[in-house]
Amino acid sequence: MSNTWLSTLKTDSPQEGFELAIKLSRMGVKYTQPSDEIRKRLREDYANNADSLIAASQVVAVNFQTIAAANKYWNSGS
């Protein structure tokens, strides 16, 4: 899966940064499990499991921290 989809971590706002964090998280899953069929089959399992949902939220949070730092906690000076 080598098409370039991430050119920067810079965003104009925290909202855009959070949306990018979600995208990073989703792409991480896609790279880890490239089969659409398997991901769709497993979705029901984790969608109904509180621990899985919490773990997914933690991944998004870590990605958001990274993006926030890259944006100097929003473009210091704006």
PDB file of N, CA and C in Angstrom:
ATOM      1  N   MET A   1       0.867  -1.176   0.000  1.00  0.00           N
ATOM      2  CA  MET A   1       0.000   0.000   0.000  1.00  0.00           C
ATOM      3  C   MET A   1       0.900   1.221   0.000  1.00  0.00           C
ATOM      4  N   SER A   2       1.452   1.562  -1.102  1.00  0.00           N
ATOM      5  CA  SER A   2       2.439   2.631  -1.057  1.00  0.00           C
ATOM      6  C   SER A   2       1.995   3.894  -1.793  1.00  0.00           C
ATOM      7  N   ASN A   3       0.731   4.234  -1.736  1.00  0.00           N
ATOM      8  CA  ASN A   3       0.359   5.541  -2.265  1.00  0.00           C
ATOM      9  C   ASN A   3       0.492   6.578  -1.151  1.00  0.00           C
ATOM     10  N   THR A   4       1.028   7.724  -1.484  1.00  0.00           N
ATOM     11  CA  THR A   4       1.263   8.753  -0.476  1.00  0.00           C
ATOM     12  C   THR A   4      -0.036   9.496  -0.196  1.00  0.00           C
ATOM     13  N   TRP A   5      -0.465   9.471   1.040  1.00  0.00           N
ATOM     14  CA  TRP A   5      -1.693  10.169   1.418  1.00  0.00           C
ATOM     15  C   TRP A   5      -1.435  11.178   2.538  1.00  0.00           C
ATOM     16  N   LEU A   6      -0.268  11.117   3.164  1.00  0.00           N
ATOM     17  CA  LEU A   6       0.031  12.029   4.266  1.00  0.00           C
ATOM     18  C   LEU A   6       1.223  12.900   3.880  1.00  0.00           C
ATOM     19  N   SER A   7       0.940  14.151   3.620  1.00  0.00           N
ATOM     20  CA  SER A   7       2.018  15.050   3.196  1.00  0.00           C
ATOM     21  C   SER A   7       2.503  15.954   4.324  1.00  0.00           C
ATOM     22  N   THR A   8       1.697  16.123   5.347  1.00  0.00           N
ATOM     23  CA  THR A   8       2.069  16.997   6.462  1.00  0.00           C
ATOM     24  C   THR A   8       1.199  16.696   7.675  1.00  0.00           C
ATOM     25  N   LEU A   9       1.717  17.040   8.844  1.00  0.00           N
ATOM     26  CA  LEU A   9       0.915  16.988  10.062  1.00  0.00           C
ATOM     27  C   LEU A   9       0.370  18.370  10.399  1.00  0.00           C
ATOM     28  N   LYS A  10       0.728  19.370   9.627  1.00  0.00           N
ATOM     29  CA  LYS A  10       0.271  20.745   9.877  1.00  0.00           C
ATOM     30  C   LYS A  10      -1.198  20.885   9.524  1.00  0.00           C
ATOM     31  N   THR A  11      -1.940  21.502  10.417  1.00  0.00           N
ATOM     32  CA  THR A  11      -3.356  21.779  10.163  1.00  0.00           C
ATOM     33  C   THR A  11      -3.643  23.210  10.598  1.00  0.00           C
ATOM     34  N   ASP A  12      -4.755  23.733  10.132  1.00  0.00           N
ATOM     35  CA  ASP A  12      -5.109  25.117  10.456  1.00  0.00           C
ATOM     36  C   ASP A  12      -5.816  25.274  11.795  1.00  0.00           C
ATOM     37  N   SER A  13      -6.339  24.181  12.327  1.00  0.00           N
ATOM     38  CA  SER A  13      -7.115  24.297  13.566  1.00  0.00           C
ATOM     39  C   SER A  13      -7.068  22.987  14.343  1.00  0.00           C
ATOM     40  N   PRO A  14      -7.405  23.053  15.625  1.00  0.00           N
ATOM     41  CA  PRO A  14      -7.498  21.826  16.409  1.00  0.00           C
ATOM     42  C   PRO A  14      -8.524  20.839  15.829  1.00  0.00           C
ATOM     43  N   GLN A  15      -9.634  21.340  15.310  1.00  0.00           N
ATOM     44  CA  GLN A  15     -10.650  20.455  14.709  1.00  0.00           C
ATOM     45  C   GLN A  15     -10.049  19.671  13.541  1.00  0.00           C
ATOM     46  N   GLU A  16      -9.330  20.367  12.664  1.00  0.00           N
ATOM     47  CA  GLU A  16      -8.678  19.686  11.546  1.00  0.00           C
ATOM     48  C   GLU A  16      -7.625  18.704  12.066  1.00  0.00           C
ATOM     49  N   GLY A  17      -6.939  19.072  13.129  1.00  0.00           N
ATOM     50  CA  GLY A  17      -5.950  18.194  13.725  1.00  0.00           C
ATOM     51  C   GLY A  17      -6.578  16.927  14.269  1.00  0.00           C
ATOM     52  N   PHE A  18      -7.724  17.064  14.914  1.00  0.00           N
ATOM     53  CA  PHE A  18      -8.412  15.902  15.455  1.00  0.00           C
ATOM     54  C   PHE A  18      -8.889  14.988  14.337  1.00  0.00           C
ATOM     55  N   GLU A  19      -9.411  15.587  13.274  1.00  0.00           N
ATOM     56  CA  GLU A  19      -9.856  14.791  12.128  1.00  0.00           C
ATOM     57  C   GLU A  19      -8.676  14.060  11.488  1.00  0.00           C
ATOM     58  N   LEU A  20      -7.515  14.705  11.446  1.00  0.00           N
ATOM     59  CA  LEU A  20      -6.321  14.047  10.929  1.00  0.00           C
ATOM     60  C   LEU A  20      -5.897  12.908  11.856  1.00  0.00           C
ATOM     61  N   ALA A  21      -6.036  13.096  13.161  1.00  0.00           N
ATOM     62  CA  ALA A  21      -5.703  12.035  14.118  1.00  0.00           C
ATOM     63  C   ALA A  21      -6.575  10.806  13.882  1.00  0.00           C
ATOM     64  N   ILE A  22      -7.844  11.026  13.608  1.00  0.00           N
ATOM     65  CA  ILE A  22      -8.749   9.910  13.309  1.00  0.00           C
ATOM     66  C   ILE A  22      -8.315   9.229  12.018  1.00  0.00           C
ATOM     67  N   LYS A  23      -7.979  10.019  11.007  1.00  0.00           N
ATOM     68  CA  LYS A  23      -7.517   9.464   9.729  1.00  0.00           C
ATOM     69  C   LYS A  23      -6.242   8.638   9.937  1.00  0.00           C
ATOM     70  N   LEU A  24      -5.288   9.158  10.707  1.00  0.00           N
ATOM     71  CA  LEU A  24      -4.060   8.413  10.990  1.00  0.00           C
ATOM     72  C   LEU A  24      -4.386   7.081  11.662  1.00  0.00           C
ATOM     73  N   SER A  25      -5.298   7.111  12.598  1.00  0.00           N
ATOM     74  CA  SER A  25      -5.676   5.903  13.327  1.00  0.00           C
ATOM     75  C   SER A  25      -6.319   4.880  12.393  1.00  0.00           C
ATOM     76  N   ARG A  26      -7.201   5.350  11.550  1.00  0.00           N
ATOM     77  CA  ARG A  26      -7.872   4.449  10.608  1.00  0.00           C
ATOM     78  C   ARG A  26      -6.887   3.868   9.602  1.00  0.00           C
ATOM     79  N   MET A  27      -5.958   4.702   9.152  1.00  0.00           N
ATOM     80  CA  MET A  27      -4.960   4.218   8.198  1.00  0.00           C
ATOM     81  C   MET A  27      -4.021   3.213   8.860  1.00  0.00           C
ATOM     82  N   GLY A  28      -3.744   3.398  10.148  1.00  0.00           N
ATOM     83  CA  GLY A  28      -2.934   2.425  10.871  1.00  0.00           C
ATOM     84  C   GLY A  28      -3.579   1.047  10.866  1.00  0.00           C
ATOM     85  N   VAL A  29      -4.877   1.017  11.071  1.00  0.00           N
ATOM     86  CA  VAL A  29      -5.611  -0.252  11.023  1.00  0.00           C
ATOM     87  C   VAL A  29      -5.553  -0.828   9.615  1.00  0.00           C
ATOM     88  N   LYS A  30      -5.751   0.025   8.624  1.00  0.00           N
ATOM     89  CA  LYS A  30      -5.757  -0.433   7.230  1.00  0.00           C
ATOM     90  C   LYS A  30      -4.396  -1.003   6.825  1.00  0.00           C
ATOM     91  N   TYR A  31      -3.317  -0.380   7.274  1.00  0.00           N
ATOM     92  CA  TYR A  31      -1.983  -0.899   6.969  1.00  0.00           C
ATOM     93  C   TYR A  31      -1.720  -2.211   7.709  1.00  0.00           C
ATOM     94  N   THR A  32      -2.226  -2.301   8.947  1.00  0.00           N
ATOM     95  CA  THR A  32      -2.026  -3.501   9.750  1.00  0.00           C
ATOM     96  C   THR A  32      -2.837  -4.671   9.195  1.00  0.00           C
ATOM     97  N   GLN A  33      -4.074  -4.401   8.784  1.00  0.00           N
ATOM     98  CA  GLN A  33      -4.932  -5.432   8.207  1.00  0.00           C
ATOM     99  C   GLN A  33      -5.443  -4.925   6.857  1.00  0.00           C
ATOM    100  N   PRO A  34      -4.711  -5.196   5.787  1.00  0.00           N
ATOM    101  CA  PRO A  34      -5.065  -4.637   4.479  1.00  0.00           C
ATOM    102  C   PRO A  34      -6.327  -5.232   3.838  1.00  0.00           C
ATOM    103  N   SER A  35      -6.832  -6.329   4.360  1.00  0.00           N
ATOM    104  CA  SER A  35      -8.011  -6.957   3.762  1.00  0.00           C
ATOM    105  C   SER A  35      -9.296  -6.245   4.189  1.00  0.00           C
ATOM    106  N   ASP A  36      -9.984  -5.631   3.222  1.00  0.00           N
ATOM    107  CA  ASP A  36     -11.279  -4.994   3.506  1.00  0.00           C
ATOM    108  C   ASP A  36     -12.255  -6.009   4.081  1.00  0.00           C
ATOM    109  N   GLU A  37     -12.258  -7.197   3.519  1.00  0.00           N
ATOM    110  CA  GLU A  37     -13.188  -8.243   3.955  1.00  0.00           C
ATOM    111  C   GLU A  37     -12.984  -8.597   5.424  1.00  0.00           C
ATOM    112  N   ILE A  38     -11.748  -8.786   5.815  1.00  0.00           N
ATOM    113  CA  ILE A  38     -11.469  -9.137   7.214  1.00  0.00           C
ATOM    114  C   ILE A  38     -11.810  -7.975   8.131  1.00  0.00           C
ATOM    115  N   ARG A  39     -11.450  -6.753   7.754  1.00  0.00           N
ATOM    116  CA  ARG A  39     -11.788  -5.586   8.599  1.00  0.00           C
ATOM    117  C   ARG A  39     -13.291  -5.471   8.779  1.00  0.00           C
ATOM    118  N   LYS A  40     -14.048  -5.661   7.718  1.00  0.00           N
ATOM    119  CA  LYS A  40     -15.512  -5.578   7.823  1.00  0.00           C
ATOM    120  C   LYS A  40     -16.056  -6.674   8.733  1.00  0.00           C
ATOM    121  N   ARG A  41     -15.483  -7.863   8.637  1.00  0.00           N
ATOM    122  CA  ARG A  41     -15.928  -8.981   9.463  1.00  0.00           C
ATOM    123  C   ARG A  41     -15.625  -8.723  10.945  1.00  0.00           C
ATOM    124  N   LEU A  42     -14.482  -8.130  11.231  1.00  0.00           N
ATOM    125  CA  LEU A  42     -14.085  -7.876  12.615  1.00  0.00           C
ATOM    126  C   LEU A  42     -14.762  -6.656  13.227  1.00  0.00           C
ATOM    127  N   ARG A  43     -15.244  -5.747  12.387  1.00  0.00           N
ATOM    128  CA  ARG A  43     -15.817  -4.494  12.885  1.00  0.00           C
ATOM    129  C   ARG A  43     -16.909  -4.731  13.918  1.00  0.00           C
ATOM    130  N   GLU A  44     -17.764  -5.721  13.682  1.00  0.00           N
ATOM    131  CA  GLU A  44     -18.857  -6.017  14.621  1.00  0.00           C
ATOM    132  C   GLU A  44     -18.307  -6.380  16.008  1.00  0.00           C
ATOM    133  N   ASP A  45     -17.194  -7.110  16.026  1.00  0.00           N
ATOM    134  CA  ASP A  45     -16.599  -7.509  17.307  1.00  0.00           C
ATOM    135  C   ASP A  45     -16.148  -6.300  18.117  1.00  0.00           C
ATOM    136  N   TYR A  46     -15.360  -5.425  17.510  1.00  0.00           N
ATOM    137  CA  TYR A  46     -14.827  -4.313  18.297  1.00  0.00           C
ATOM    138  C   TYR A  46     -15.836  -3.194  18.481  1.00  0.00           C
ATOM    139  N   ALA A  47     -16.812  -3.093  17.593  1.00  0.00           N
ATOM    140  CA  ALA A  47     -17.823  -2.038  17.721  1.00  0.00           C
ATOM    141  C   ALA A  47     -18.722  -2.252  18.936  1.00  0.00           C
ATOM    142  N   ASN A  48     -18.771  -3.466  19.418  1.00  0.00           N
ATOM    143  CA  ASN A  48     -19.624  -3.799  20.557  1.00  0.00           C
ATOM    144  C   ASN A  48     -18.825  -4.193  21.789  1.00  0.00           C
ATOM    145  N   ASN A  49     -17.566  -3.797  21.833  1.00  0.00           N
ATOM    146  CA  ASN A  49     -16.694  -4.165  22.946  1.00  0.00           C
ATOM    147  C   ASN A  49     -16.117  -2.888  23.551  1.00  0.00           C
ATOM    148  N   ALA A  50     -16.501  -2.621  24.788  1.00  0.00           N
ATOM    149  CA  ALA A  50     -16.068  -1.377  25.438  1.00  0.00           C
ATOM    150  C   ALA A  50     -14.548  -1.258  25.493  1.00  0.00           C
ATOM    151  N   ASP A  51     -13.848  -2.344  25.779  1.00  0.00           N
ATOM    152  CA  ASP A  51     -12.387  -2.289  25.847  1.00  0.00           C
ATOM    153  C   ASP A  51     -11.779  -1.936  24.499  1.00  0.00           C
ATOM    154  N   SER A  52     -12.327  -2.492  23.433  1.00  0.00           N
ATOM    155  CA  SER A  52     -11.831  -2.182  22.091  1.00  0.00           C
ATOM    156  C   SER A  52     -12.077  -0.715  21.737  1.00  0.00           C
ATOM    157  N   LEU A  53     -13.227  -0.205  22.115  1.00  0.00           N
ATOM    158  CA  LEU A  53     -13.546   1.199  21.823  1.00  0.00           C
ATOM    159  C   LEU A  53     -12.638   2.138  22.616  1.00  0.00           C
ATOM    160  N   ILE A  54     -12.369   1.789  23.870  1.00  0.00           N
ATOM    161  CA  ILE A  54     -11.457   2.598  24.681  1.00  0.00           C
ATOM    162  C   ILE A  54     -10.056   2.567  24.076  1.00  0.00           C
ATOM    163  N   ALA A  55      -9.610   1.392  23.649  1.00  0.00           N
ATOM    164  CA  ALA A  55      -8.286   1.273  23.026  1.00  0.00           C
ATOM    165  C   ALA A  55      -8.216   2.111  21.757  1.00  0.00           C
ATOM    166  N   ALA A  56      -9.262   2.096  20.960  1.00  0.00           N
ATOM    167  CA  ALA A  56      -9.288   2.899  19.738  1.00  0.00           C
ATOM    168  C   ALA A  56      -9.223   4.385  20.079  1.00  0.00           C
ATOM    169  N   SER A  57      -9.936   4.797  21.115  1.00  0.00           N
ATOM    170  CA  SER A  57      -9.897   6.197  21.545  1.00  0.00           C
ATOM    171  C   SER A  57      -8.507   6.598  22.014  1.00  0.00           C
ATOM    172  N   GLN A  58      -7.813   5.684  22.658  1.00  0.00           N
ATOM    173  CA  GLN A  58      -6.448   5.962  23.115  1.00  0.00           C
ATOM    174  C   GLN A  58      -5.507   6.171  21.937  1.00  0.00           C
ATOM    175  N   VAL A  59      -5.662   5.384  20.890  1.00  0.00           N
ATOM    176  CA  VAL A  59      -4.832   5.536  19.693  1.00  0.00           C
ATOM    177  C   VAL A  59      -5.094   6.906  19.060  1.00  0.00           C
ATOM    178  N   VAL A  60      -6.353   7.294  18.950  1.00  0.00           N
ATOM    179  CA  VAL A  60      -6.691   8.609  18.396  1.00  0.00           C
ATOM    180  C   VAL A  60      -6.071   9.703  19.264  1.00  0.00           C
ATOM    181  N   ALA A  61      -6.151   9.553  20.581  1.00  0.00           N
ATOM    182  CA  ALA A  61      -5.596  10.561  21.486  1.00  0.00           C
ATOM    183  C   ALA A  61      -4.090  10.709  21.317  1.00  0.00           C
ATOM    184  N   VAL A  62      -3.379   9.603  21.192  1.00  0.00           N
ATOM    185  CA  VAL A  62      -1.925   9.665  20.985  1.00  0.00           C
ATOM    186  C   VAL A  62      -1.617  10.354  19.656  1.00  0.00           C
ATOM    187  N   ASN A  63      -2.362  10.008  18.617  1.00  0.00           N
ATOM    188  CA  ASN A  63      -2.149  10.660  17.326  1.00  0.00           C
ATOM    189  C   ASN A  63      -2.454  12.155  17.401  1.00  0.00           C
ATOM    190  N   PHE A  64      -3.496  12.514  18.155  1.00  0.00           N
ATOM    191  CA  PHE A  64      -3.823  13.932  18.294  1.00  0.00           C
ATOM    192  C   PHE A  64      -2.723  14.673  19.048  1.00  0.00           C
ATOM    193  N   GLN A  65      -2.144  14.052  20.067  1.00  0.00           N
ATOM    194  CA  GLN A  65      -1.020  14.678  20.782  1.00  0.00           C
ATOM    195  C   GLN A  65       0.134  14.960  19.823  1.00  0.00           C
ATOM    196  N   THR A  66       0.426  14.013  18.959  1.00  0.00           N
ATOM    197  CA  THR A  66       1.511  14.168  17.995  1.00  0.00           C
ATOM    198  C   THR A  66       1.225  15.324  17.045  1.00  0.00           C
ATOM    199  N   ILE A  67       0.013  15.378  16.541  1.00  0.00           N
ATOM    200  CA  ILE A  67      -0.370  16.442  15.603  1.00  0.00           C
ATOM    201  C   ILE A  67      -0.375  17.796  16.308  1.00  0.00           C
ATOM    202  N   ALA A  68      -0.885  17.841  17.530  1.00  0.00           N
ATOM    203  CA  ALA A  68      -0.896  19.092  18.290  1.00  0.00           C
ATOM    204  C   ALA A  68       0.522  19.615  18.487  1.00  0.00           C
ATOM    205  N   ALA A  69       1.443  18.719  18.833  1.00  0.00           N
ATOM    206  CA  ALA A  69       2.839  19.133  19.009  1.00  0.00           C
ATOM    207  C   ALA A  69       3.424  19.637  17.693  1.00  0.00           C
ATOM    208  N   ALA A  70       3.109  18.962  16.597  1.00  0.00           N
ATOM    209  CA  ALA A  70       3.619  19.391  15.287  1.00  0.00           C
ATOM    210  C   ALA A  70       3.092  20.768  14.907  1.00  0.00           C
ATOM    211  N   ASN A  71       1.939  21.117  15.440  1.00  0.00           N
ATOM    212  CA  ASN A  71       1.335  22.421  15.151  1.00  0.00           C
ATOM    213  C   ASN A  71       1.583  23.429  16.266  1.00  0.00           C
ATOM    214  N   LYS A  72       2.519  23.106  17.133  1.00  0.00           N
ATOM    215  CA  LYS A  72       2.890  23.964  18.264  1.00  0.00           C
ATOM    216  C   LYS A  72       1.632  24.418  19.017  1.00  0.00           C
ATOM    217  N   TYR A  73       0.776  23.445  19.244  1.00  0.00           N
ATOM    218  CA  TYR A  73      -0.466  23.642  19.994  1.00  0.00           C
ATOM    219  C   TYR A  73      -1.235  24.862  19.513  1.00  0.00           C
ATOM    220  N   TRP A  74      -1.419  24.942  18.490  1.00  0.00           N
ATOM    221  CA  TRP A  74      -2.043  25.580  17.357  1.00  0.00           C
ATOM    222  C   TRP A  74      -1.390  26.861  16.954  1.00  0.00           C
ATOM    223  N   ASN A  75      -0.410  26.583  16.127  1.00  0.00           N
ATOM    224  CA  ASN A  75       0.292  27.605  15.346  1.00  0.00           C
ATOM    225  C   ASN A  75       0.648  28.836  16.171  1.00  0.00           C
ATOM    226  N   SER A  76       1.142  28.632  17.363  1.00  0.00           N
ATOM    227  CA  SER A  76       1.504  29.706  18.296  1.00  0.00           C
ATOM    228  C   SER A  76       1.605  31.068  17.629  1.00  0.00           C
ATOM    229  N   GLY A  77       0.744  31.912  18.015  1.00  0.00           N
ATOM    230  CA  GLY A  77       0.703  33.236  17.419  1.00  0.00           C
ATOM    231  C   GLY A  77      -0.625  33.495  16.742  1.00  0.00           C
ATOM    232  N   SER A  78      -1.460  32.466  16.662  1.00  0.00           N
ATOM    233  CA  SER A  78      -2.778  32.721  16.067  1.00  0.00           C
ATOM    234  C   SER A  78      -3.825  32.858  17.123  1.00  0.00           C
TER     235      SER A  78
END
